[in-house]
């Protein structure tokens, strides 16, 4: 997270000041906005070559779990 703040902080000052809260807002938007599910289906699914199909829900759940993991939460 520190690397992201250092790299992108000048583009989004709220992330510098409140990284944990901004991360939560972003996760909520990804989870609730159907545009991101559609983008996943349109771009990620066809790009992954695997015998098992990739579905947005389990992929997002894994991403969310990692994003909310203890090391990230301890950063702030």
Protein backbone atom coordinates (compact mmCIF):
# COMPACT_ATOMS: atom_id res chain seq x y z
CA UNK A 1 0.00 0.00 0.00
CA UNK A 2 2.87 2.36 0.75
CA UNK A 3 4.21 1.81 -2.75
CA UNK A 4 0.81 2.76 -4.21
CA UNK A 5 0.67 5.89 -2.06
CA UNK A 6 4.17 6.88 -3.15
CA UNK A 7 3.46 6.15 -6.79
CA UNK A 8 -0.09 7.45 -7.20
CA UNK A 9 -0.58 9.79 -4.25
CA UNK A 10 -0.24 12.90 -6.37
CA UNK A 11 -3.22 11.71 -8.44
CA UNK A 12 -5.56 10.99 -5.53
CA UNK A 13 -4.83 12.90 -2.32
CA UNK A 14 -7.67 11.20 -0.45
CA UNK A 15 -5.80 7.91 -0.84
CA UNK A 16 -2.74 9.46 0.76
CA UNK A 17 -4.73 10.85 3.69
CA UNK A 18 -7.16 7.95 4.18
CA UNK A 19 -5.84 4.85 2.37
CA UNK A 20 -7.91 2.29 4.27
CA UNK A 21 -11.16 4.19 3.77
CA UNK A 22 -10.44 4.81 0.09
CA UNK A 23 -9.67 1.13 -0.40
CA UNK A 24 -13.02 0.22 1.18
CA UNK A 25 -14.83 2.69 -1.09
CA UNK A 26 -13.12 1.19 -4.14
CA UNK A 27 -13.95 -2.36 -3.10
CA UNK A 28 -17.59 -1.43 -2.56
CA UNK A 29 -17.74 0.16 -6.02
CA UNK A 30 -16.20 -2.93 -7.64
CA UNK A 31 -18.64 -5.18 -5.83
CA UNK A 32 -21.81 -3.15 -6.43
CA UNK A 33 -21.33 -1.60 -9.86
CA UNK A 34 -22.38 -4.03 -12.62
CA UNK A 35 -20.03 -2.31 -15.08
CA UNK A 36 -17.06 -4.03 -13.43
CA UNK A 37 -18.67 -7.46 -13.59
CA UNK A 38 -19.31 -6.87 -17.31
CA UNK A 39 -15.71 -5.74 -17.87
CA UNK A 40 -14.49 -8.87 -16.11
CA UNK A 41 -16.66 -11.04 -18.35
CA UNK A 42 -15.64 -9.15 -21.49
CA UNK A 43 -11.90 -8.83 -20.89
CA UNK A 44 -10.62 -11.12 -18.14
CA UNK A 45 -12.61 -14.26 -18.83
CA UNK A 46 -11.52 -14.57 -22.48
CA UNK A 47 -7.90 -13.79 -21.55
CA UNK A 48 -7.50 -16.63 -19.07
CA UNK A 49 -6.71 -19.98 -20.61
CA UNK A 50 -7.79 -22.57 -18.11
CA UNK A 51 -10.03 -25.61 -18.26
CA UNK A 52 -12.09 -24.22 -15.35
CA UNK A 53 -14.10 -21.11 -16.17
CA UNK A 54 -13.39 -17.95 -14.20
CA UNK A 55 -16.32 -16.28 -12.51
CA UNK A 56 -16.37 -12.73 -11.15
CA UNK A 57 -17.73 -13.62 -7.70
CA UNK A 58 -15.02 -16.02 -6.49
CA UNK A 59 -12.29 -13.95 -8.11
CA UNK A 60 -13.57 -10.77 -6.48
CA UNK A 61 -13.99 -12.54 -3.13
CA UNK A 62 -10.32 -13.57 -3.24
CA UNK A 63 -9.24 -10.06 -4.21
CA UNK A 64 -11.36 -8.52 -1.45
CA UNK A 65 -10.04 -10.96 1.15
CA UNK A 66 -6.45 -10.10 0.24
CA UNK A 67 -7.17 -6.36 0.14
CA UNK A 68 -8.71 -6.53 3.60
CA UNK A 69 -6.00 -8.75 5.03
CA UNK A 70 -4.26 -7.89 8.26
CA UNK A 71 -1.03 -6.44 6.78
CA UNK A 72 -3.01 -3.91 4.74
CA UNK A 73 -5.18 -2.99 7.68
CA UNK A 74 -2.15 -2.58 9.92
CA UNK A 75 -0.60 -0.11 7.50
CA UNK A 76 -2.90 2.68 8.62
